[in-house]
């Protein structure tokens, strides 16, 4: 029963964080998709093509479904994998000590090595990415101005009729090549930053439980853990986003024009040969802002709700 309640808490916390970030930041996602779609339009150019301000939230429903469900599954599975590794690797007393230290500072998650952080993030994201791929396809097409779906059901029917079941997994390998490394790098940098920032910002020694507790209790009006989590998440997201940016452009092109862009390698060659290397970084500024803000919001909400 305790395990079920713990899993439910992670699912609810992940769902809530994902939902809030998706709805709030949908305009940035839509603008990024359309910049990548055109390959030539600037952000200002895309703005001018919008018929109304309301259009910035086109595709919010599939985006919210994908992000909230995806976050719930990803964060709960990530925690499960990390907890299992932590339990196997170290003794119960050592694990309890580490978890206690983490909770006193900013994290409710098990503490792992850098390699374990990288590997668990990649594995969990790759698995959840496959499960949520159909919703991802629908989200991308809703955000573009190529497909004029009136509803989610119409979108699903249209994709299945025209492309079959494969249409729901178009660009999966490009998506996986973006999301799995992104998630692995993100978790790696996120955990590192959560160890560094308390010392830099509040002079907290993370290896000293007494000091950590005293500093946290010193002023209850300052939500230190929330600030640390938000800054760590935003910074980690910005770094990981920049590194994996080319795969985001490639997968968007494949999902919006499946006849022209058929595979990961051919799409990469076509984009570079026709438009240059920097074509792979279209929409990076928008994605940087969105991912940094999204991570700051979603992970802060998740970590704080888990500790309730």
C-alpha atoms as a PDB file:
ATOM      1  CA  UNK A   1       0.000   0.000   0.000  1.00  0.00           C
ATOM      2  CA  UNK A   2       2.836   2.376   0.857  1.00  0.00           C
ATOM      3  CA  UNK A   3       4.495   1.707  -2.513  1.00  0.00           C
ATOM      4  CA  UNK A   4       1.223   2.380  -4.342  1.00  0.00           C
ATOM      5  CA  UNK A   5       0.758   5.668  -2.491  1.00  0.00           C
ATOM      6  CA  UNK A   6       4.358   6.666  -3.224  1.00  0.00           C
ATOM      7  CA  UNK A   7       3.967   5.880  -6.936  1.00  0.00           C
ATOM      8  CA  UNK A   8       0.675   7.775  -7.071  1.00  0.00           C
ATOM      9  CA  UNK A   9       2.341  10.790  -5.474  1.00  0.00           C
ATOM     10  CA  UNK A  10       5.068  10.799  -8.131  1.00  0.00           C
ATOM     11  CA  UNK A  11       2.483  10.420 -10.927  1.00  0.00           C
ATOM     12  CA  UNK A  12       0.334  13.274  -9.611  1.00  0.00           C
ATOM     13  CA  UNK A  13       3.320  15.556  -8.981  1.00  0.00           C
ATOM     14  CA  UNK A  14       4.745  14.884 -12.454  1.00  0.00           C
ATOM     15  CA  UNK A  15       1.349  15.349 -14.112  1.00  0.00           C
ATOM     16  CA  UNK A  16       0.721  18.651 -12.324  1.00  0.00           C
ATOM     17  CA  UNK A  17       4.132  20.104 -13.132  1.00  0.00           C
ATOM     18  CA  UNK A  18       3.875  19.054 -16.775  1.00  0.00           C
ATOM     19  CA  UNK A  19       0.358  20.429 -17.176  1.00  0.00           C
ATOM     20  CA  UNK A  20       1.185  23.844 -15.710  1.00  0.00           C
ATOM     21  CA  UNK A  21       4.320  24.256 -17.826  1.00  0.00           C
ATOM     22  CA  UNK A  22       2.618  23.048 -21.041  1.00  0.00           C
ATOM     23  CA  UNK A  23      -0.318  25.456 -20.863  1.00  0.00           C
ATOM     24  CA  UNK A  24       1.811  28.401 -19.742  1.00  0.00           C
ATOM     25  CA  UNK A  25       4.518  27.990 -22.385  1.00  0.00           C
ATOM     26  CA  UNK A  26       2.487  26.753 -25.379  1.00  0.00           C
ATOM     27  CA  UNK A  27       3.043  29.983 -27.405  1.00  0.00           C
ATOM     28  CA  UNK A  28       6.810  29.408 -27.373  1.00  0.00           C
ATOM     29  CA  UNK A  29       6.349  25.827 -28.568  1.00  0.00           C
ATOM     30  CA  UNK A  30       4.076  26.897 -31.412  1.00  0.00           C
ATOM     31  CA  UNK A  31       6.455  29.631 -32.566  1.00  0.00           C
ATOM     32  CA  UNK A  32       9.402  27.218 -32.459  1.00  0.00           C
ATOM     33  CA  UNK A  33       7.544  24.630 -34.552  1.00  0.00           C
ATOM     34  CA  UNK A  34       6.634  27.174 -37.221  1.00  0.00           C
ATOM     35  CA  UNK A  35      10.141  28.628 -37.402  1.00  0.00           C
ATOM     36  CA  UNK A  36      11.543  25.119 -37.898  1.00  0.00           C
ATOM     37  CA  UNK A  37       8.792  24.294 -40.379  1.00  0.00           C
ATOM     38  CA  UNK A  38       9.567  27.208 -42.683  1.00  0.00           C
ATOM     39  CA  UNK A  39      13.336  27.273 -42.367  1.00  0.00           C
ATOM     40  CA  UNK A  40      13.315  30.916 -43.434  1.00  0.00           C
ATOM     41  CA  UNK A  41      10.838  32.850 -41.308  1.00  0.00           C
ATOM     42  CA  UNK A  42      12.046  34.788 -38.292  1.00  0.00           C
ATOM     43  CA  UNK A  43      10.097  34.926 -35.047  1.00  0.00           C
ATOM     44  CA  UNK A  44       8.706  38.307 -36.105  1.00  0.00           C
ATOM     45  CA  UNK A  45       7.727  36.852 -39.477  1.00  0.00           C
ATOM     46  CA  UNK A  46       5.830  34.019 -37.815  1.00  0.00           C
ATOM     47  CA  UNK A  47       4.064  36.503 -35.545  1.00  0.00           C
ATOM     48  CA  UNK A  48       2.899  38.499 -38.543  1.00  0.00           C
ATOM     49  CA  UNK A  49       1.411  35.402 -40.160  1.00  0.00           C
ATOM     50  CA  UNK A  50      -0.804  34.669 -37.148  1.00  0.00           C
ATOM     51  CA  UNK A  51      -4.419  35.644 -37.714  1.00  0.00           C
ATOM     52  CA  UNK A  52      -5.041  36.341 -34.026  1.00  0.00           C
ATOM     53  CA  UNK A  53      -3.323  36.348 -30.638  1.00  0.00           C
ATOM     54  CA  UNK A  54      -5.416  33.318 -29.695  1.00  0.00           C
ATOM     55  CA  UNK A  55      -3.606  31.268 -32.340  1.00  0.00           C
ATOM     56  CA  UNK A  56      -0.531  31.194 -30.118  1.00  0.00           C
ATOM     57  CA  UNK A  57      -2.348  28.568 -28.052  1.00  0.00           C
ATOM     58  CA  UNK A  58      -3.308  26.374 -31.014  1.00  0.00           C
ATOM     59  CA  UNK A  59      -2.492  22.777 -30.156  1.00  0.00           C
ATOM     60  CA  UNK A  60      -2.645  23.382 -26.411  1.00  0.00           C
ATOM     61  CA  UNK A  61      -4.826  20.323 -25.734  1.00  0.00           C
ATOM     62  CA  UNK A  62      -2.568  17.712 -27.389  1.00  0.00           C
ATOM     63  CA  UNK A  63       0.469  19.547 -26.010  1.00  0.00           C
ATOM     64  CA  UNK A  64      -0.965  19.507 -22.481  1.00  0.00           C
ATOM     65  CA  UNK A  65      -1.905  15.827 -22.809  1.00  0.00           C
ATOM     66  CA  UNK A  66       1.543  14.886 -24.067  1.00  0.00           C
ATOM     67  CA  UNK A  67       3.474  16.926 -21.515  1.00  0.00           C
ATOM     68  CA  UNK A  68       1.370  16.099 -18.462  1.00  0.00           C
ATOM     69  CA  UNK A  69       1.077  12.372 -19.195  1.00  0.00           C
ATOM     70  CA  UNK A  70       4.683  12.239 -20.374  1.00  0.00           C
ATOM     71  CA  UNK A  71       5.964  14.028 -17.265  1.00  0.00           C
ATOM     72  CA  UNK A  72       3.931  11.796 -14.968  1.00  0.00           C
ATOM     73  CA  UNK A  73       5.235   8.615 -16.607  1.00  0.00           C
ATOM     74  CA  UNK A  74       8.791   9.891 -17.005  1.00  0.00           C
ATOM     75  CA  UNK A  75       9.294  11.226 -13.488  1.00  0.00           C
ATOM     76  CA  UNK A  76       7.637   8.259 -11.782  1.00  0.00           C
ATOM     77  CA  UNK A  77       9.595   5.741 -13.882  1.00  0.00           C
ATOM     78  CA  UNK A  78      12.809   7.730 -13.369  1.00  0.00           C
ATOM     79  CA  UNK A  79      12.287   7.689  -9.624  1.00  0.00           C
ATOM     80  CA  UNK A  80      11.499   3.955  -9.684  1.00  0.00           C
ATOM     81  CA  UNK A  81      14.673   3.138 -11.631  1.00  0.00           C
ATOM     82  CA  UNK A  82      16.838   5.431  -9.498  1.00  0.00           C
ATOM     83  CA  UNK A  83      15.382   4.045  -6.256  1.00  0.00           C
ATOM     84  CA  UNK A  84      15.978   0.477  -7.407  1.00  0.00           C
ATOM     85  CA  UNK A  85      19.599   1.208  -8.347  1.00  0.00           C
ATOM     86  CA  UNK A  86      20.157   3.043  -5.071  1.00  0.00           C
ATOM     87  CA  UNK A  87      18.698   0.153  -3.056  1.00  0.00           C
ATOM     88  CA  UNK A  88      20.805  -2.443  -4.847  1.00  0.00           C
ATOM     89  CA  UNK A  89      24.024  -0.411  -4.752  1.00  0.00           C
ATOM     90  CA  UNK A  90      24.139   0.781  -1.160  1.00  0.00           C
ATOM     91  CA  UNK A  91      22.993  -0.444   2.225  1.00  0.00           C
ATOM     92  CA  UNK A  92      19.655   0.594   3.674  1.00  0.00           C
ATOM     93  CA  UNK A  93      21.244   2.768   6.355  1.00  0.00           C
ATOM     94  CA  UNK A  94      23.459   4.563   3.854  1.00  0.00           C
ATOM     95  CA  UNK A  95      20.528   5.070   1.488  1.00  0.00           C
ATOM     96  CA  UNK A  96      18.376   6.506   4.255  1.00  0.00           C
ATOM     97  CA  UNK A  97      21.156   8.891   5.219  1.00  0.00           C
ATOM     98  CA  UNK A  98      21.615  10.106   1.673  1.00  0.00           C
ATOM     99  CA  UNK A  99      17.890  10.545   1.141  1.00  0.00           C
ATOM    100  CA  UNK A 100      17.659  12.515   4.382  1.00  0.00           C
ATOM    101  CA  UNK A 101      20.438  14.859   3.286  1.00  0.00           C
ATOM    102  CA  UNK A 102      18.830  15.370  -0.097  1.00  0.00           C
ATOM    103  CA  UNK A 103      15.471  16.161   1.444  1.00  0.00           C
ATOM    104  CA  UNK A 104      17.001  18.710   3.806  1.00  0.00           C
ATOM    105  CA  UNK A 105      18.620  20.530   0.907  1.00  0.00           C
ATOM    106  CA  UNK A 106      16.350  20.455  -2.125  1.00  0.00           C
ATOM    107  CA  UNK A 107      15.763  16.961  -3.466  1.00  0.00           C
ATOM    108  CA  UNK A 108      13.470  14.061  -2.674  1.00  0.00           C
ATOM    109  CA  UNK A 109      15.200  11.845  -5.238  1.00  0.00           C
ATOM    110  CA  UNK A 110      17.804   9.128  -4.562  1.00  0.00           C
ATOM    111  CA  UNK A 111      21.430  10.180  -4.944  1.00  0.00           C
ATOM    112  CA  UNK A 112      23.338   8.392  -7.738  1.00  0.00           C
ATOM    113  CA  UNK A 113      26.674   8.686  -9.520  1.00  0.00           C
ATOM    114  CA  UNK A 114      27.098  10.864 -12.623  1.00  0.00           C
ATOM    115  CA  UNK A 115      27.047   7.858 -14.964  1.00  0.00           C
ATOM    116  CA  UNK A 116      23.926   6.491 -13.261  1.00  0.00           C
ATOM    117  CA  UNK A 117      22.208   9.886 -13.540  1.00  0.00           C
ATOM    118  CA  UNK A 118      23.015  10.000 -17.262  1.00  0.00           C
ATOM    119  CA  UNK A 119      21.936   6.411 -17.950  1.00  0.00           C
ATOM    120  CA  UNK A 120      18.695   6.474 -15.950  1.00  0.00           C
ATOM    121  CA  UNK A 121      17.596   9.748 -17.530  1.00  0.00           C
ATOM    122  CA  UNK A 122      18.230   8.425 -21.048  1.00  0.00           C
ATOM    123  CA  UNK A 123      16.505   5.087 -20.476  1.00  0.00           C
ATOM    124  CA  UNK A 124      13.386   6.511 -18.806  1.00  0.00           C
ATOM    125  CA  UNK A 125      12.989   9.220 -21.450  1.00  0.00           C
ATOM    126  CA  UNK A 126      13.440   6.820 -24.364  1.00  0.00           C
ATOM    127  CA  UNK A 127      10.801   4.470 -22.969  1.00  0.00           C
ATOM    128  CA  UNK A 128       8.243   7.184 -22.230  1.00  0.00           C
ATOM    129  CA  UNK A 129       8.989   8.888 -25.555  1.00  0.00           C
ATOM    130  CA  UNK A 130       7.916   5.749 -27.416  1.00  0.00           C
ATOM    131  CA  UNK A 131       4.701   5.451 -25.392  1.00  0.00           C
ATOM    132  CA  UNK A 132       3.703   9.088 -25.976  1.00  0.00           C
ATOM    133  CA  UNK A 133       4.841   9.266 -29.617  1.00  0.00           C
ATOM    134  CA  UNK A 134       1.314   9.287 -31.151  1.00  0.00           C
ATOM    135  CA  UNK A 135       0.351  12.310 -29.043  1.00  0.00           C
ATOM    136  CA  UNK A 136       3.655  13.983 -29.968  1.00  0.00           C
ATOM    137  CA  UNK A 137       2.893  13.595 -33.686  1.00  0.00           C
ATOM    138  CA  UNK A 138      -0.554  15.098 -33.201  1.00  0.00           C
ATOM    139  CA  UNK A 139       0.850  17.983 -31.137  1.00  0.00           C
ATOM    140  CA  UNK A 140       3.418  18.922 -33.789  1.00  0.00           C
ATOM    141  CA  UNK A 141       0.834  18.897 -36.574  1.00  0.00           C
ATOM    142  CA  UNK A 142      -1.641  20.957 -34.579  1.00  0.00           C
ATOM    143  CA  UNK A 143       1.045  23.590 -34.006  1.00  0.00           C
ATOM    144  CA  UNK A 144       2.011  23.817 -37.681  1.00  0.00           C
ATOM    145  CA  UNK A 145      -0.064  25.619 -40.302  1.00  0.00           C
ATOM    146  CA  UNK A 146       0.157  22.691 -42.741  1.00  0.00           C
ATOM    147  CA  UNK A 147      -2.522  20.529 -41.158  1.00  0.00           C
ATOM    148  CA  UNK A 148      -5.899  22.023 -40.301  1.00  0.00           C
ATOM    149  CA  UNK A 149      -7.271  19.437 -37.905  1.00  0.00           C
ATOM    150  CA  UNK A 150     -10.458  20.537 -36.169  1.00  0.00           C
ATOM    151  CA  UNK A 151     -10.207  18.077 -33.287  1.00  0.00           C
ATOM    152  CA  UNK A 152      -7.942  15.457 -31.769  1.00  0.00           C
ATOM    153  CA  UNK A 153     -10.171  12.631 -33.017  1.00  0.00           C
ATOM    154  CA  UNK A 154     -10.070  14.009 -36.568  1.00  0.00           C
ATOM    155  CA  UNK A 155      -6.298  14.249 -36.362  1.00  0.00           C
ATOM    156  CA  UNK A 156      -5.922  10.643 -35.233  1.00  0.00           C
ATOM    157  CA  UNK A 157      -8.302   9.396 -37.943  1.00  0.00           C
ATOM    158  CA  UNK A 158      -6.541  11.411 -40.649  1.00  0.00           C
ATOM    159  CA  UNK A 159      -3.074  10.154 -39.694  1.00  0.00           C
ATOM    160  CA  UNK A 160      -4.225   6.529 -39.535  1.00  0.00           C
ATOM    161  CA  UNK A 161      -6.101   6.749 -42.852  1.00  0.00           C
ATOM    162  CA  UNK A 162      -3.279   8.414 -44.791  1.00  0.00           C
ATOM    163  CA  UNK A 163      -0.172   6.881 -43.186  1.00  0.00           C
ATOM    164  CA  UNK A 164      -1.305   3.862 -41.202  1.00  0.00           C
ATOM    165  CA  UNK A 165       0.051   2.946 -37.787  1.00  0.00           C
ATOM    166  CA  UNK A 166       3.559   3.992 -38.846  1.00  0.00           C
ATOM    167  CA  UNK A 167       2.336   7.568 -39.131  1.00  0.00           C
ATOM    168  CA  UNK A 168       2.002   7.763 -35.353  1.00  0.00           C
ATOM    169  CA  UNK A 169       5.688   6.958 -34.937  1.00  0.00           C
ATOM    170  CA  UNK A 170       7.075   9.137 -37.721  1.00  0.00           C
ATOM    171  CA  UNK A 171      10.435  10.573 -36.709  1.00  0.00           C
ATOM    172  CA  UNK A 172      10.686   8.435 -33.573  1.00  0.00           C
ATOM    173  CA  UNK A 173      14.416   7.804 -33.914  1.00  0.00           C
ATOM    174  CA  UNK A 174      15.095  11.510 -34.412  1.00  0.00           C
ATOM    175  CA  UNK A 175      12.907  12.227 -31.400  1.00  0.00           C
ATOM    176  CA  UNK A 176      14.704   9.559 -29.372  1.00  0.00           C
ATOM    177  CA  UNK A 177      18.087  10.917 -30.510  1.00  0.00           C
ATOM    178  CA  UNK A 178      16.991  14.282 -29.130  1.00  0.00           C
ATOM    179  CA  UNK A 179      15.054  13.301 -26.002  1.00  0.00           C
ATOM    180  CA  UNK A 180      17.125  10.435 -24.578  1.00  0.00           C
ATOM    181  CA  UNK A 181      20.477  12.316 -24.586  1.00  0.00           C
ATOM    182  CA  UNK A 182      18.659  15.486 -23.488  1.00  0.00           C
ATOM    183  CA  UNK A 183      17.095  13.724 -20.506  1.00  0.00           C
ATOM    184  CA  UNK A 184      20.343  12.014 -19.562  1.00  0.00           C
ATOM    185  CA  UNK A 185      22.358  15.220 -19.762  1.00  0.00           C
ATOM    186  CA  UNK A 186      19.603  17.117 -17.980  1.00  0.00           C
ATOM    187  CA  UNK A 187      19.500  14.755 -14.987  1.00  0.00           C
ATOM    188  CA  UNK A 188      23.310  14.748 -14.853  1.00  0.00           C
ATOM    189  CA  UNK A 189      23.614  18.564 -14.819  1.00  0.00           C
ATOM    190  CA  UNK A 190      20.530  18.994 -12.624  1.00  0.00           C
ATOM    191  CA  UNK A 191      21.889  16.800  -9.839  1.00  0.00           C
ATOM    192  CA  UNK A 192      25.325  18.427 -10.090  1.00  0.00           C
ATOM    193  CA  UNK A 193      23.871  21.926  -9.870  1.00  0.00           C
ATOM    194  CA  UNK A 194      21.718  21.002  -6.878  1.00  0.00           C
ATOM    195  CA  UNK A 195      24.934  20.057  -5.101  1.00  0.00           C
ATOM    196  CA  UNK A 196      26.723  23.268  -6.077  1.00  0.00           C
ATOM    197  CA  UNK A 197      24.054  25.969  -5.699  1.00  0.00           C
ATOM    198  CA  UNK A 198      23.342  25.531  -1.955  1.00  0.00           C
ATOM    199  CA  UNK A 199      27.027  26.167  -1.242  1.00  0.00           C
ATOM    200  CA  UNK A 200      27.227  29.128  -3.623  1.00  0.00           C
ATOM    201  CA  UNK A 201      23.929  30.767  -2.661  1.00  0.00           C
ATOM    202  CA  UNK A 202      23.424  29.911   1.005  1.00  0.00           C
ATOM    203  CA  UNK A 203      26.809  28.613   2.192  1.00  0.00           C
ATOM    204  CA  UNK A 204      25.203  25.250   2.948  1.00  0.00           C
ATOM    205  CA  UNK A 205      27.516  22.253   3.209  1.00  0.00           C
ATOM    206  CA  UNK A 206      25.570  19.429   1.559  1.00  0.00           C
ATOM    207  CA  UNK A 207      27.662  16.842   3.415  1.00  0.00           C
ATOM    208  CA  UNK A 208      26.596  18.251   6.772  1.00  0.00           C
ATOM    209  CA  UNK A 209      22.995  17.315   7.630  1.00  0.00           C
ATOM    210  CA  UNK A 210      23.019  19.457  10.790  1.00  0.00           C
ATOM    211  CA  UNK A 211      24.214  22.561   8.954  1.00  0.00           C
ATOM    212  CA  UNK A 212      21.740  21.964   6.161  1.00  0.00           C
ATOM    213  CA  UNK A 213      18.814  21.623   8.536  1.00  0.00           C
ATOM    214  CA  UNK A 214      19.852  24.669  10.565  1.00  0.00           C
ATOM    215  CA  UNK A 215      20.203  26.820   7.495  1.00  0.00           C
ATOM    216  CA  UNK A 216      16.851  25.681   6.103  1.00  0.00           C
ATOM    217  CA  UNK A 217      15.126  26.390   9.406  1.00  0.00           C
ATOM    218  CA  UNK A 218      16.829  29.755   9.864  1.00  0.00           C
ATOM    219  CA  UNK A 219      14.276  31.601   7.779  1.00  0.00           C
ATOM    220  CA  UNK A 220      11.134  29.684   6.880  1.00  0.00           C
ATOM    221  CA  UNK A 221       9.919  32.569   4.720  1.00  0.00           C
ATOM    222  CA  UNK A 222      12.555  31.813   2.092  1.00  0.00           C
ATOM    223  CA  UNK A 223      11.676  28.716   0.023  1.00  0.00           C
ATOM    224  CA  UNK A 224      15.305  27.814  -0.538  1.00  0.00           C
ATOM    225  CA  UNK A 225      14.688  24.338  -1.937  1.00  0.00           C
ATOM    226  CA  UNK A 226      12.243  25.724  -4.520  1.00  0.00           C
ATOM    227  CA  UNK A 227      14.751  28.367  -5.632  1.00  0.00           C
ATOM    228  CA  UNK A 228      17.580  25.838  -5.866  1.00  0.00           C
ATOM    229  CA  UNK A 229      15.423  23.369  -7.798  1.00  0.00           C
ATOM    230  CA  UNK A 230      14.159  26.015 -10.234  1.00  0.00           C
ATOM    231  CA  UNK A 231      17.587  27.486 -10.979  1.00  0.00           C
ATOM    232  CA  UNK A 232      19.184  24.050 -11.279  1.00  0.00           C
ATOM    233  CA  UNK A 233      16.432  22.834 -13.598  1.00  0.00           C
ATOM    234  CA  UNK A 234      16.488  25.914 -15.836  1.00  0.00           C
ATOM    235  CA  UNK A 235      20.279  25.907 -16.179  1.00  0.00           C
ATOM    236  CA  UNK A 236      20.485  22.156 -16.807  1.00  0.00           C
ATOM    237  CA  UNK A 237      17.721  22.407 -19.405  1.00  0.00           C
ATOM    238  CA  UNK A 238      19.485  25.236 -21.241  1.00  0.00           C
ATOM    239  CA  UNK A 239      22.733  23.260 -21.505  1.00  0.00           C
ATOM    240  CA  UNK A 240      21.063  20.011 -22.596  1.00  0.00           C
ATOM    241  CA  UNK A 241      18.796  21.835 -25.064  1.00  0.00           C
ATOM    242  CA  UNK A 242      21.715  23.485 -26.856  1.00  0.00           C
ATOM    243  CA  UNK A 243      23.592  20.200 -27.206  1.00  0.00           C
ATOM    244  CA  UNK A 244      20.586  18.315 -28.640  1.00  0.00           C
ATOM    245  CA  UNK A 245      19.127  21.152 -30.767  1.00  0.00           C
ATOM    246  CA  UNK A 246      19.916  19.643 -34.235  1.00  0.00           C
ATOM    247  CA  UNK A 247      17.808  16.553 -33.526  1.00  0.00           C
ATOM    248  CA  UNK A 248      14.826  18.749 -32.623  1.00  0.00           C
ATOM    249  CA  UNK A 249      14.870  20.410 -36.046  1.00  0.00           C
ATOM    250  CA  UNK A 250      15.354  17.075 -37.823  1.00  0.00           C
ATOM    251  CA  UNK A 251      12.452  15.354 -36.061  1.00  0.00           C
ATOM    252  CA  UNK A 252      10.126  18.334 -36.657  1.00  0.00           C
ATOM    253  CA  UNK A 253      10.864  18.283 -40.396  1.00  0.00           C
ATOM    254  CA  UNK A 254      10.292  14.520 -40.557  1.00  0.00           C
ATOM    255  CA  UNK A 255       6.984  14.735 -38.697  1.00  0.00           C
ATOM    256  CA  UNK A 256       5.619  17.602 -40.803  1.00  0.00           C
ATOM    257  CA  UNK A 257       6.772  16.437 -44.251  1.00  0.00           C
ATOM    258  CA  UNK A 258       7.066  12.654 -44.306  1.00  0.00           C
ATOM    259  CA  UNK A 259       7.267  12.474 -48.110  1.00  0.00           C
ATOM    260  CA  UNK A 260      10.307  14.748 -48.365  1.00  0.00           C
ATOM    261  CA  UNK A 261      12.089  13.734 -45.165  1.00  0.00           C
ATOM    262  CA  UNK A 262      12.039   9.947 -44.877  1.00  0.00           C
ATOM    263  CA  UNK A 263      14.886   9.034 -42.519  1.00  0.00           C
ATOM    264  CA  UNK A 264      17.176  10.538 -39.902  1.00  0.00           C
ATOM    265  CA  UNK A 265      20.309  10.408 -42.054  1.00  0.00           C
ATOM    266  CA  UNK A 266      18.716  11.584 -45.311  1.00  0.00           C
ATOM    267  CA  UNK A 267      16.933  14.450 -43.554  1.00  0.00           C
ATOM    268  CA  UNK A 268      20.188  15.578 -41.961  1.00  0.00           C
ATOM    269  CA  UNK A 269      22.002  15.515 -45.303  1.00  0.00           C
ATOM    270  CA  UNK A 270      19.184  17.355 -47.094  1.00  0.00           C
ATOM    271  CA  UNK A 271      18.938  20.129 -44.518  1.00  0.00           C
ATOM    272  CA  UNK A 272      22.693  20.721 -44.377  1.00  0.00           C
ATOM    273  CA  UNK A 273      23.305  20.529 -48.137  1.00  0.00           C
ATOM    274  CA  UNK A 274      20.349  22.753 -49.057  1.00  0.00           C
ATOM    275  CA  UNK A 275      20.377  25.280 -46.234  1.00  0.00           C
ATOM    276  CA  UNK A 276      23.637  24.939 -44.324  1.00  0.00           C
ATOM    277  CA  UNK A 277      24.656  23.645 -40.913  1.00  0.00           C
ATOM    278  CA  UNK A 278      22.909  26.424 -38.988  1.00  0.00           C
ATOM    279  CA  UNK A 279      19.554  25.204 -40.360  1.00  0.00           C
ATOM    280  CA  UNK A 280      19.799  22.482 -37.717  1.00  0.00           C
ATOM    281  CA  UNK A 281      19.625  25.147 -35.009  1.00  0.00           C
ATOM    282  CA  UNK A 282      16.439  26.863 -36.225  1.00  0.00           C
ATOM    283  CA  UNK A 283      14.176  27.765 -33.323  1.00  0.00           C
ATOM    284  CA  UNK A 284      16.931  27.231 -30.753  1.00  0.00           C
ATOM    285  CA  UNK A 285      16.339  30.523 -28.943  1.00  0.00           C
ATOM    286  CA  UNK A 286      12.630  29.753 -28.542  1.00  0.00           C
ATOM    287  CA  UNK A 287      13.317  26.205 -27.434  1.00  0.00           C
ATOM    288  CA  UNK A 288      15.947  27.425 -24.976  1.00  0.00           C
ATOM    289  CA  UNK A 289      13.496  29.805 -23.342  1.00  0.00           C
ATOM    290  CA  UNK A 290      10.703  27.252 -23.307  1.00  0.00           C
ATOM    291  CA  UNK A 291      12.751  24.325 -22.013  1.00  0.00           C
ATOM    292  CA  UNK A 292      14.471  26.394 -19.330  1.00  0.00           C
ATOM    293  CA  UNK A 293      11.175  27.830 -18.091  1.00  0.00           C
ATOM    294  CA  UNK A 294       9.367  24.503 -18.450  1.00  0.00           C
ATOM    295  CA  UNK A 295      12.006  22.622 -16.480  1.00  0.00           C
ATOM    296  CA  UNK A 296      12.123  25.324 -13.820  1.00  0.00           C
ATOM    297  CA  UNK A 297       8.351  25.163 -13.363  1.00  0.00           C
ATOM    298  CA  UNK A 298       7.744  21.420 -13.760  1.00  0.00           C
ATOM    299  CA  UNK A 299      10.658  20.106 -11.703  1.00  0.00           C
ATOM    300  CA  UNK A 300      10.180  22.643  -8.928  1.00  0.00           C
ATOM    301  CA  UNK A 301       6.487  21.700  -8.616  1.00  0.00           C
ATOM    302  CA  UNK A 302       7.358  18.004  -8.790  1.00  0.00           C
ATOM    303  CA  UNK A 303      10.106  18.095  -6.153  1.00  0.00           C
ATOM    304  CA  UNK A 304       8.083  20.240  -3.758  1.00  0.00           C
ATOM    305  CA  UNK A 305       4.889  18.159  -4.094  1.00  0.00           C
ATOM    306  CA  UNK A 306       6.832  14.935  -3.515  1.00  0.00           C
ATOM    307  CA  UNK A 307       8.018  16.241  -0.147  1.00  0.00           C
ATOM    308  CA  UNK A 308       4.516  17.073   1.115  1.00  0.00           C
END
